[in-house]
Every structure is written in C-alpha cells, then in structure tokens.
Amino acid sequence: MNLNESDTRSAVAALNRIMETELAGVVRYTHYSLMVYGYNRIPIVGWLKDNATESLTHAHKAGELVTLLGGHPSLQIGTLLETARHDIGDILRESLEHEKRALEAYYDLLGIAEGKSVLLEEYAREMIVQEELHCDEVNKMLRKPGDLTPFEA
C-alpha cells in the first residue's frame, strides 16, 4: 500500500461513510420489508430482506478495512428518512436514491485509493459493480412492462 498518512485518514473516513450508508440500508430495507402489502408481497419482501442482509455484509467488509488501516469503525448510521409513503413505487424510488448514495461513497473511495492501494482500489471497483447492478435492478423494477427507457429519478 502506498497510502500516506493523509490518504489513510481519507480512506478511513470514506470507509466509515460507506459503513454508515450500508448500515442505514439494513434499517431501511428491513423497514420496507415490513411495510409491503398486496398480491406481490412475498417476492418483494424476500428481495428487500436479501438487500438488508447484503447491506450488513457490505458494512462489515468496510469496517474490516477500517481496522486494517488502523482506524476506528464508526458507530454512526447514515441518513434515515421516514417519508411515510409505502407504495411499492415509493419504496423503490427511495431505494434507488439510497443505492445512488452508496455508489457515490464507493466512487469517493476509489478516487482516494487509485494508484495507491490495489486492495482498496479493487474493493471499491467490486462494490461499484455491485451497486451499479443494484441501481439497474431497481431501475428496471420502476419501469412499466415493455418500457426500455431507463427510469430517471
């Protein structure tokens, strides 16, 4: 690793932001899974629970990297906003916004690590791929059947 002290501090801060964002995802997706009603409840609840589990895994991985760098994992949690709108469309739009925030955080880490730490760079790239695929998945869920044009949030 070729991170200087300033880069290491920046990387730890970025990783803690990732951890906080992912932990907010755990809470958000768990909450959403409890608020789904209607005919399609079972598959949607399963999808939301899977996202909550994956967010916890992502938070843990970010925390492990914080300690690898000699930092202290955050006890904070990212922004949680209760809109009190629980229509599936509203939940998906809020999920897309959340995924975009997570994606931004991983891109920030990539900017810090690029050319300085293969470990952090590869981690950031792997997570960016996953988050972009999540965004695409949610985007497709927000489209009407047969609509090929991406949803714009």
N, C-alpha and C. Protein backbone atom coordinates (compact mmCIF):
# COMPACT_ATOMS: atom_id res chain seq x y z
N MET A 1 0.85 -1.18 0.00
CA MET A 1 0.00 0.00 0.00
C MET A 1 0.89 1.24 0.00
N ASN A 2 0.57 2.16 -0.87
CA ASN A 2 1.33 3.41 -0.95
C ASN A 2 0.52 4.59 -0.45
N LEU A 3 -0.29 4.36 0.56
CA LEU A 3 -1.09 5.45 1.13
C LEU A 3 -0.24 6.21 2.13
N ASN A 4 -0.18 7.53 1.99
CA ASN A 4 0.48 8.32 3.03
C ASN A 4 -0.51 8.53 4.17
N GLU A 5 -0.08 9.23 5.19
CA GLU A 5 -0.93 9.41 6.38
C GLU A 5 -2.24 10.13 6.04
N SER A 6 -2.16 11.14 5.20
CA SER A 6 -3.35 11.88 4.81
C SER A 6 -4.30 11.00 4.00
N ASP A 7 -3.74 10.21 3.06
CA ASP A 7 -4.56 9.29 2.27
C ASP A 7 -5.23 8.24 3.17
N THR A 8 -4.48 7.76 4.14
CA THR A 8 -5.04 6.76 5.06
C THR A 8 -6.20 7.35 5.83
N ARG A 9 -6.04 8.57 6.34
CA ARG A 9 -7.15 9.23 7.06
C ARG A 9 -8.36 9.40 6.14
N SER A 10 -8.10 9.81 4.90
CA SER A 10 -9.20 9.99 3.94
C SER A 10 -9.87 8.67 3.62
N ALA A 11 -9.08 7.62 3.47
CA ALA A 11 -9.64 6.29 3.18
C ALA A 11 -10.49 5.80 4.35
N VAL A 12 -10.01 5.98 5.57
CA VAL A 12 -10.77 5.57 6.76
C VAL A 12 -12.09 6.35 6.82
N ALA A 13 -12.04 7.64 6.56
CA ALA A 13 -13.26 8.45 6.57
C ALA A 13 -14.24 7.97 5.50
N ALA A 14 -13.72 7.67 4.31
CA ALA A 14 -14.58 7.18 3.22
C ALA A 14 -15.17 5.83 3.57
N LEU A 15 -14.37 4.95 4.13
CA LEU A 15 -14.86 3.63 4.53
C LEU A 15 -15.90 3.73 5.64
N ASN A 16 -15.70 4.65 6.58
CA ASN A 16 -16.70 4.84 7.63
C ASN A 16 -18.00 5.38 7.04
N ARG A 17 -17.89 6.27 6.05
CA ARG A 17 -19.10 6.77 5.38
C ARG A 17 -19.82 5.61 4.67
N ILE A 18 -19.06 4.73 4.04
CA ILE A 18 -19.64 3.55 3.39
C ILE A 18 -20.34 2.69 4.44
N MET A 19 -19.66 2.46 5.54
CA MET A 19 -20.23 1.63 6.61
C MET A 19 -21.55 2.23 7.12
N GLU A 20 -21.55 3.53 7.35
CA GLU A 20 -22.76 4.21 7.83
C GLU A 20 -23.89 4.12 6.81
N THR A 21 -23.55 4.30 5.54
CA THR A 21 -24.56 4.22 4.48
C THR A 21 -25.13 2.82 4.39
N GLU A 22 -24.26 1.83 4.43
CA GLU A 22 -24.72 0.44 4.35
C GLU A 22 -25.55 0.05 5.57
N LEU A 23 -25.18 0.53 6.75
CA LEU A 23 -25.99 0.24 7.94
C LEU A 23 -27.36 0.89 7.85
N ALA A 24 -27.41 2.08 7.26
CA ALA A 24 -28.71 2.72 7.01
C ALA A 24 -29.54 1.86 6.06
N GLY A 25 -28.86 1.21 5.11
CA GLY A 25 -29.55 0.31 4.19
C GLY A 25 -30.17 -0.87 4.91
N VAL A 26 -29.47 -1.40 5.91
CA VAL A 26 -30.01 -2.51 6.70
C VAL A 26 -31.34 -2.08 7.33
N VAL A 27 -31.33 -0.93 7.96
CA VAL A 27 -32.53 -0.43 8.64
C VAL A 27 -33.62 -0.13 7.61
N ARG A 28 -33.24 0.57 6.56
CA ARG A 28 -34.20 0.97 5.53
C ARG A 28 -34.87 -0.26 4.89
N TYR A 29 -34.08 -1.22 4.43
CA TYR A 29 -34.64 -2.38 3.75
C TYR A 29 -35.45 -3.26 4.71
N THR A 30 -35.02 -3.34 5.97
CA THR A 30 -35.79 -4.09 6.96
C THR A 30 -37.15 -3.43 7.17
N HIS A 31 -37.15 -2.12 7.32
CA HIS A 31 -38.40 -1.37 7.49
C HIS A 31 -39.31 -1.57 6.29
N TYR A 32 -38.75 -1.40 5.10
CA TYR A 32 -39.56 -1.57 3.89
C TYR A 32 -40.17 -2.97 3.83
N SER A 33 -39.40 -3.99 4.22
CA SER A 33 -39.91 -5.36 4.13
C SER A 33 -41.12 -5.57 5.02
N LEU A 34 -41.23 -4.78 6.06
CA LEU A 34 -42.37 -4.89 6.97
C LEU A 34 -43.60 -4.12 6.48
N MET A 35 -43.39 -3.23 5.51
CA MET A 35 -44.46 -2.34 5.08
C MET A 35 -45.08 -2.72 3.73
N VAL A 36 -44.72 -3.87 3.20
CA VAL A 36 -45.24 -4.28 1.89
C VAL A 36 -46.53 -5.08 2.08
N TYR A 37 -47.54 -4.67 1.35
CA TYR A 37 -48.84 -5.34 1.36
C TYR A 37 -49.26 -5.62 -0.07
N GLY A 38 -50.14 -6.55 -0.24
CA GLY A 38 -50.70 -6.81 -1.56
C GLY A 38 -50.28 -8.15 -2.13
N TYR A 39 -50.73 -8.39 -3.36
CA TYR A 39 -50.54 -9.68 -4.01
C TYR A 39 -49.09 -10.09 -4.20
N ASN A 40 -48.23 -9.14 -4.45
CA ASN A 40 -46.83 -9.46 -4.72
C ASN A 40 -45.95 -9.38 -3.48
N ARG A 41 -46.56 -9.38 -2.30
CA ARG A 41 -45.83 -9.19 -1.06
C ARG A 41 -44.66 -10.16 -0.88
N ILE A 42 -44.89 -11.44 -1.07
CA ILE A 42 -43.89 -12.45 -0.73
C ILE A 42 -42.58 -12.26 -1.52
N PRO A 43 -42.61 -12.15 -2.84
CA PRO A 43 -41.32 -11.98 -3.54
C PRO A 43 -40.65 -10.63 -3.25
N ILE A 44 -41.45 -9.60 -3.06
CA ILE A 44 -40.86 -8.27 -2.79
C ILE A 44 -40.24 -8.26 -1.39
N VAL A 45 -40.91 -8.82 -0.41
CA VAL A 45 -40.36 -8.89 0.95
C VAL A 45 -39.06 -9.69 0.94
N GLY A 46 -39.04 -10.80 0.22
CA GLY A 46 -37.81 -11.59 0.12
C GLY A 46 -36.67 -10.79 -0.49
N TRP A 47 -36.95 -10.03 -1.53
CA TRP A 47 -35.94 -9.20 -2.18
C TRP A 47 -35.42 -8.12 -1.22
N LEU A 48 -36.34 -7.50 -0.48
CA LEU A 48 -35.93 -6.46 0.47
C LEU A 48 -35.09 -7.05 1.60
N LYS A 49 -35.48 -8.21 2.11
CA LYS A 49 -34.70 -8.86 3.17
C LYS A 49 -33.31 -9.22 2.67
N ASP A 50 -33.22 -9.71 1.44
CA ASP A 50 -31.91 -10.03 0.85
C ASP A 50 -31.04 -8.78 0.76
N ASN A 51 -31.65 -7.65 0.40
CA ASN A 51 -30.90 -6.40 0.33
C ASN A 51 -30.41 -5.96 1.71
N ALA A 52 -31.24 -6.17 2.73
CA ALA A 52 -30.83 -5.82 4.10
C ALA A 52 -29.64 -6.67 4.53
N THR A 53 -29.69 -7.95 4.23
CA THR A 53 -28.59 -8.86 4.58
C THR A 53 -27.32 -8.47 3.83
N GLU A 54 -27.46 -8.16 2.56
CA GLU A 54 -26.30 -7.76 1.76
C GLU A 54 -25.71 -6.45 2.27
N SER A 55 -26.55 -5.50 2.67
CA SER A 55 -26.06 -4.24 3.22
C SER A 55 -25.25 -4.47 4.48
N LEU A 56 -25.70 -5.40 5.33
CA LEU A 56 -24.96 -5.71 6.54
C LEU A 56 -23.60 -6.31 6.20
N THR A 57 -23.57 -7.19 5.21
CA THR A 57 -22.30 -7.77 4.77
C THR A 57 -21.36 -6.68 4.25
N HIS A 58 -21.91 -5.74 3.47
CA HIS A 58 -21.10 -4.64 2.94
C HIS A 58 -20.57 -3.75 4.06
N ALA A 59 -21.40 -3.48 5.06
CA ALA A 59 -20.97 -2.66 6.19
C ALA A 59 -19.84 -3.35 6.95
N HIS A 60 -19.98 -4.64 7.14
CA HIS A 60 -18.96 -5.39 7.86
C HIS A 60 -17.64 -5.37 7.10
N LYS A 61 -17.70 -5.54 5.80
CA LYS A 61 -16.50 -5.55 4.97
C LYS A 61 -15.80 -4.18 5.04
N ALA A 62 -16.58 -3.10 4.99
CA ALA A 62 -16.00 -1.75 5.10
C ALA A 62 -15.36 -1.56 6.47
N GLY A 63 -16.02 -2.04 7.52
CA GLY A 63 -15.47 -1.94 8.87
C GLY A 63 -14.17 -2.71 9.03
N GLU A 64 -14.09 -3.87 8.41
CA GLU A 64 -12.84 -4.65 8.45
C GLU A 64 -11.69 -3.88 7.81
N LEU A 65 -11.99 -3.18 6.72
CA LEU A 65 -10.95 -2.38 6.06
C LEU A 65 -10.55 -1.18 6.91
N VAL A 66 -11.51 -0.61 7.62
CA VAL A 66 -11.18 0.50 8.54
C VAL A 66 -10.15 0.03 9.55
N THR A 67 -10.39 -1.14 10.16
CA THR A 67 -9.45 -1.63 11.17
C THR A 67 -8.13 -2.08 10.54
N LEU A 68 -8.17 -2.58 9.33
CA LEU A 68 -6.94 -2.94 8.62
C LEU A 68 -6.03 -1.72 8.48
N LEU A 69 -6.66 -0.56 8.25
CA LEU A 69 -5.90 0.69 8.08
C LEU A 69 -5.55 1.36 9.41
N GLY A 70 -5.93 0.71 10.51
CA GLY A 70 -5.62 1.27 11.82
C GLY A 70 -6.64 2.27 12.31
N GLY A 71 -7.80 2.31 11.66
CA GLY A 71 -8.84 3.25 12.05
C GLY A 71 -9.83 2.65 13.01
N HIS A 72 -10.79 3.45 13.41
CA HIS A 72 -11.83 3.05 14.34
C HIS A 72 -13.17 3.07 13.59
N PRO A 73 -13.85 1.92 13.51
CA PRO A 73 -15.14 1.88 12.80
C PRO A 73 -16.17 2.79 13.46
N SER A 74 -16.91 3.46 12.62
CA SER A 74 -17.94 4.39 13.09
C SER A 74 -19.08 3.66 13.79
N LEU A 75 -19.65 4.32 14.77
CA LEU A 75 -20.88 3.83 15.42
C LEU A 75 -22.09 4.60 14.92
N GLN A 76 -21.88 5.45 13.93
CA GLN A 76 -22.97 6.25 13.37
C GLN A 76 -23.72 5.43 12.32
N ILE A 77 -24.86 5.96 11.94
CA ILE A 77 -25.65 5.34 10.88
C ILE A 77 -26.00 6.45 9.90
N GLY A 78 -26.05 6.08 8.63
CA GLY A 78 -26.36 7.06 7.59
C GLY A 78 -27.77 7.62 7.74
N THR A 79 -28.09 8.55 6.88
CA THR A 79 -29.37 9.24 6.89
C THR A 79 -30.54 8.28 6.72
N LEU A 80 -31.49 8.42 7.60
CA LEU A 80 -32.75 7.66 7.52
C LEU A 80 -33.88 8.67 7.45
N LEU A 81 -34.69 8.54 6.44
CA LEU A 81 -35.79 9.47 6.26
C LEU A 81 -37.07 8.66 6.16
N GLU A 82 -37.98 8.92 7.06
CA GLU A 82 -39.28 8.24 7.02
C GLU A 82 -40.24 9.14 6.26
N THR A 83 -40.58 8.73 5.06
CA THR A 83 -41.49 9.53 4.25
C THR A 83 -42.94 9.17 4.52
N ALA A 84 -43.15 8.03 5.18
CA ALA A 84 -44.50 7.52 5.47
C ALA A 84 -45.24 7.17 4.19
N ARG A 85 -44.51 7.01 3.09
CA ARG A 85 -45.11 6.55 1.83
C ARG A 85 -44.63 5.13 1.62
N HIS A 86 -45.57 4.21 1.56
CA HIS A 86 -45.17 2.81 1.50
C HIS A 86 -45.73 2.09 0.27
N ASP A 87 -46.10 2.86 -0.72
CA ASP A 87 -46.44 2.27 -2.00
C ASP A 87 -45.16 1.65 -2.56
N ILE A 88 -45.26 0.54 -3.27
CA ILE A 88 -44.07 -0.14 -3.79
C ILE A 88 -43.24 0.81 -4.66
N GLY A 89 -43.89 1.62 -5.47
CA GLY A 89 -43.17 2.60 -6.29
C GLY A 89 -42.38 3.57 -5.44
N ASP A 90 -42.97 4.07 -4.36
CA ASP A 90 -42.26 4.98 -3.46
C ASP A 90 -41.07 4.29 -2.81
N ILE A 91 -41.28 3.07 -2.36
CA ILE A 91 -40.20 2.30 -1.74
C ILE A 91 -39.06 2.11 -2.73
N LEU A 92 -39.38 1.78 -3.96
CA LEU A 92 -38.34 1.56 -4.97
C LEU A 92 -37.60 2.85 -5.32
N ARG A 93 -38.33 3.96 -5.42
CA ARG A 93 -37.66 5.25 -5.70
C ARG A 93 -36.72 5.64 -4.56
N GLU A 94 -37.17 5.43 -3.32
CA GLU A 94 -36.31 5.71 -2.17
C GLU A 94 -35.12 4.75 -2.15
N SER A 95 -35.33 3.51 -2.53
CA SER A 95 -34.24 2.53 -2.60
C SER A 95 -33.22 2.95 -3.65
N LEU A 96 -33.69 3.43 -4.78
CA LEU A 96 -32.79 3.88 -5.84
C LEU A 96 -31.93 5.05 -5.35
N GLU A 97 -32.54 5.98 -4.64
CA GLU A 97 -31.78 7.11 -4.09
C GLU A 97 -30.71 6.62 -3.11
N HIS A 98 -31.09 5.66 -2.28
CA HIS A 98 -30.15 5.10 -1.32
C HIS A 98 -28.99 4.42 -2.04
N GLU A 99 -29.28 3.63 -3.05
CA GLU A 99 -28.24 2.93 -3.80
C GLU A 99 -27.30 3.92 -4.49
N LYS A 100 -27.84 5.03 -4.96
CA LYS A 100 -27.01 6.06 -5.59
C LYS A 100 -26.06 6.70 -4.57
N ARG A 101 -26.54 6.91 -3.35
CA ARG A 101 -25.66 7.46 -2.29
C ARG A 101 -24.53 6.48 -1.97
N ALA A 102 -24.86 5.20 -1.91
CA ALA A 102 -23.84 4.19 -1.65
C ALA A 102 -22.83 4.17 -2.79
N LEU A 103 -23.31 4.25 -4.00
CA LEU A 103 -22.45 4.26 -5.18
C LEU A 103 -21.48 5.44 -5.13
N GLU A 104 -21.98 6.61 -4.77
CA GLU A 104 -21.13 7.80 -4.62
C GLU A 104 -20.02 7.56 -3.61
N ALA A 105 -20.36 6.93 -2.50
CA ALA A 105 -19.38 6.69 -1.44
C ALA A 105 -18.28 5.76 -1.93
N TYR A 106 -18.64 4.75 -2.71
CA TYR A 106 -17.62 3.84 -3.25
C TYR A 106 -16.75 4.54 -4.30
N TYR A 107 -17.35 5.40 -5.10
CA TYR A 107 -16.56 6.17 -6.06
C TYR A 107 -15.59 7.11 -5.34
N ASP A 108 -16.02 7.69 -4.23
CA ASP A 108 -15.12 8.54 -3.43
C ASP A 108 -13.91 7.75 -2.95
N LEU A 109 -14.16 6.54 -2.45
CA LEU A 109 -13.06 5.70 -2.00
C LEU A 109 -12.14 5.36 -3.16
N LEU A 110 -12.70 5.05 -4.31
CA LEU A 110 -11.88 4.74 -5.48
C LEU A 110 -10.97 5.91 -5.83
N GLY A 111 -11.48 7.11 -5.76
CA GLY A 111 -10.68 8.29 -6.04
C GLY A 111 -9.51 8.44 -5.08
N ILE A 112 -9.71 8.07 -3.85
CA ILE A 112 -8.65 8.15 -2.84
C ILE A 112 -7.61 7.06 -3.07
N ALA A 113 -8.06 5.86 -3.42
CA ALA A 113 -7.18 4.69 -3.49
C ALA A 113 -6.47 4.51 -4.82
N GLU A 114 -7.01 5.09 -5.87
CA GLU A 114 -6.49 4.86 -7.22
C GLU A 114 -4.99 5.12 -7.32
N GLY A 115 -4.28 4.09 -7.75
CA GLY A 115 -2.83 4.19 -7.92
C GLY A 115 -2.04 4.14 -6.63
N LYS A 116 -2.73 3.97 -5.49
CA LYS A 116 -2.05 3.98 -4.20
C LYS A 116 -2.25 2.70 -3.40
N SER A 117 -3.39 2.03 -3.63
CA SER A 117 -3.67 0.80 -2.89
C SER A 117 -4.50 -0.13 -3.78
N VAL A 118 -3.87 -1.19 -4.24
CA VAL A 118 -4.58 -2.16 -5.07
C VAL A 118 -5.73 -2.77 -4.26
N LEU A 119 -5.49 -3.06 -3.00
CA LEU A 119 -6.53 -3.64 -2.14
C LEU A 119 -7.77 -2.76 -2.11
N LEU A 120 -7.61 -1.50 -1.78
CA LEU A 120 -8.76 -0.61 -1.68
C LEU A 120 -9.36 -0.30 -3.04
N GLU A 121 -8.50 -0.20 -4.04
CA GLU A 121 -8.97 0.07 -5.39
C GLU A 121 -9.86 -1.08 -5.90
N GLU A 122 -9.38 -2.30 -5.73
CA GLU A 122 -10.15 -3.46 -6.19
C GLU A 122 -11.44 -3.61 -5.39
N TYR A 123 -11.37 -3.38 -4.09
CA TYR A 123 -12.56 -3.43 -3.25
C TYR A 123 -13.58 -2.40 -3.76
N ALA A 124 -13.14 -1.17 -3.97
CA ALA A 124 -14.05 -0.11 -4.43
C ALA A 124 -14.65 -0.47 -5.78
N ARG A 125 -13.83 -0.97 -6.69
CA ARG A 125 -14.33 -1.34 -8.02
C ARG A 125 -15.37 -2.47 -7.93
N GLU A 126 -15.08 -3.47 -7.13
CA GLU A 126 -16.01 -4.59 -6.95
C GLU A 126 -17.35 -4.10 -6.41
N MET A 127 -17.29 -3.20 -5.44
CA MET A 127 -18.52 -2.70 -4.83
C MET A 127 -19.26 -1.77 -5.79
N ILE A 128 -18.54 -1.02 -6.59
CA ILE A 128 -19.18 -0.15 -7.59
C ILE A 128 -19.96 -1.01 -8.58
N VAL A 129 -19.37 -2.11 -9.01
CA VAL A 129 -20.07 -3.02 -9.92
C VAL A 129 -21.36 -3.50 -9.26
N GLN A 130 -21.27 -3.94 -8.02
CA GLN A 130 -22.47 -4.44 -7.32
C GLN A 130 -23.53 -3.37 -7.17
N GLU A 131 -23.12 -2.16 -6.78
CA GLU A 131 -24.08 -1.07 -6.57
C GLU A 131 -24.69 -0.62 -7.89
N GLU A 132 -23.91 -0.59 -8.97
CA GLU A 132 -24.47 -0.21 -10.26
C GLU A 132 -25.48 -1.26 -10.73
N LEU A 133 -25.20 -2.53 -10.47
CA LEU A 133 -26.16 -3.57 -10.81
C LEU A 133 -27.43 -3.44 -9.97
N HIS A 134 -27.29 -3.08 -8.69
CA HIS A 134 -28.48 -2.85 -7.85
C HIS A 134 -29.30 -1.69 -8.41
N CYS A 135 -28.63 -0.61 -8.76
CA CYS A 135 -29.35 0.54 -9.33
C CYS A 135 -30.10 0.13 -10.59
N ASP A 136 -29.44 -0.66 -11.43
CA ASP A 136 -30.09 -1.11 -12.66
C ASP A 136 -31.29 -1.99 -12.35
N GLU A 137 -31.15 -2.86 -11.37
CA GLU A 137 -32.25 -3.75 -10.99
C GLU A 137 -33.46 -2.94 -10.52
N VAL A 138 -33.22 -1.98 -9.65
CA VAL A 138 -34.31 -1.15 -9.14
C VAL A 138 -34.90 -0.31 -10.28
N ASN A 139 -34.02 0.21 -11.13
CA ASN A 139 -34.48 1.00 -12.26
C ASN A 139 -35.43 0.18 -13.13
N LYS A 140 -35.08 -1.06 -13.40
CA LYS A 140 -35.94 -1.92 -14.22
C LYS A 140 -37.26 -2.22 -13.51
N MET A 141 -37.23 -2.33 -12.19
CA MET A 141 -38.45 -2.59 -11.43
C MET A 141 -39.40 -1.39 -11.49
N LEU A 142 -38.84 -0.19 -11.67
CA LEU A 142 -39.65 1.01 -11.72
C LEU A 142 -40.28 1.26 -13.10
N ARG A 143 -39.82 0.54 -14.10
CA ARG A 143 -40.35 0.72 -15.46
C ARG A 143 -41.65 -0.06 -15.64
N LYS A 144 -42.44 0.42 -16.56
CA LYS A 144 -43.65 -0.30 -16.94
C LYS A 144 -43.24 -1.42 -17.90
N PRO A 145 -43.95 -2.53 -17.91
CA PRO A 145 -43.61 -3.63 -18.83
C PRO A 145 -43.48 -3.13 -20.27
N GLY A 146 -42.40 -3.51 -20.91
CA GLY A 146 -42.15 -3.12 -22.29
C GLY A 146 -41.43 -1.80 -22.45
N ASP A 147 -41.29 -1.03 -21.35
CA ASP A 147 -40.60 0.27 -21.42
C ASP A 147 -39.11 0.04 -21.35
N LEU A 148 -38.40 0.36 -22.44
CA LEU A 148 -36.96 0.15 -22.49
C LEU A 148 -36.17 1.37 -22.01
N THR A 149 -36.83 2.49 -21.86
CA THR A 149 -36.15 3.71 -21.45
C THR A 149 -35.90 3.68 -19.94
N PRO A 150 -34.63 3.88 -19.52
CA PRO A 150 -34.33 3.88 -18.08
C PRO A 150 -35.15 4.91 -17.32
N PHE A 151 -35.56 4.54 -16.11
CA PHE A 151 -36.26 5.43 -15.20
C PHE A 151 -35.31 6.51 -14.75
N GLU A 152 -35.74 7.73 -14.73
CA GLU A 152 -34.92 8.85 -14.25
C GLU A 152 -35.45 9.29 -12.89
N ALA A 153 -34.58 9.21 -11.89
CA ALA A 153 -35.00 9.61 -10.54
C ALA A 153 -34.74 11.08 -10.33
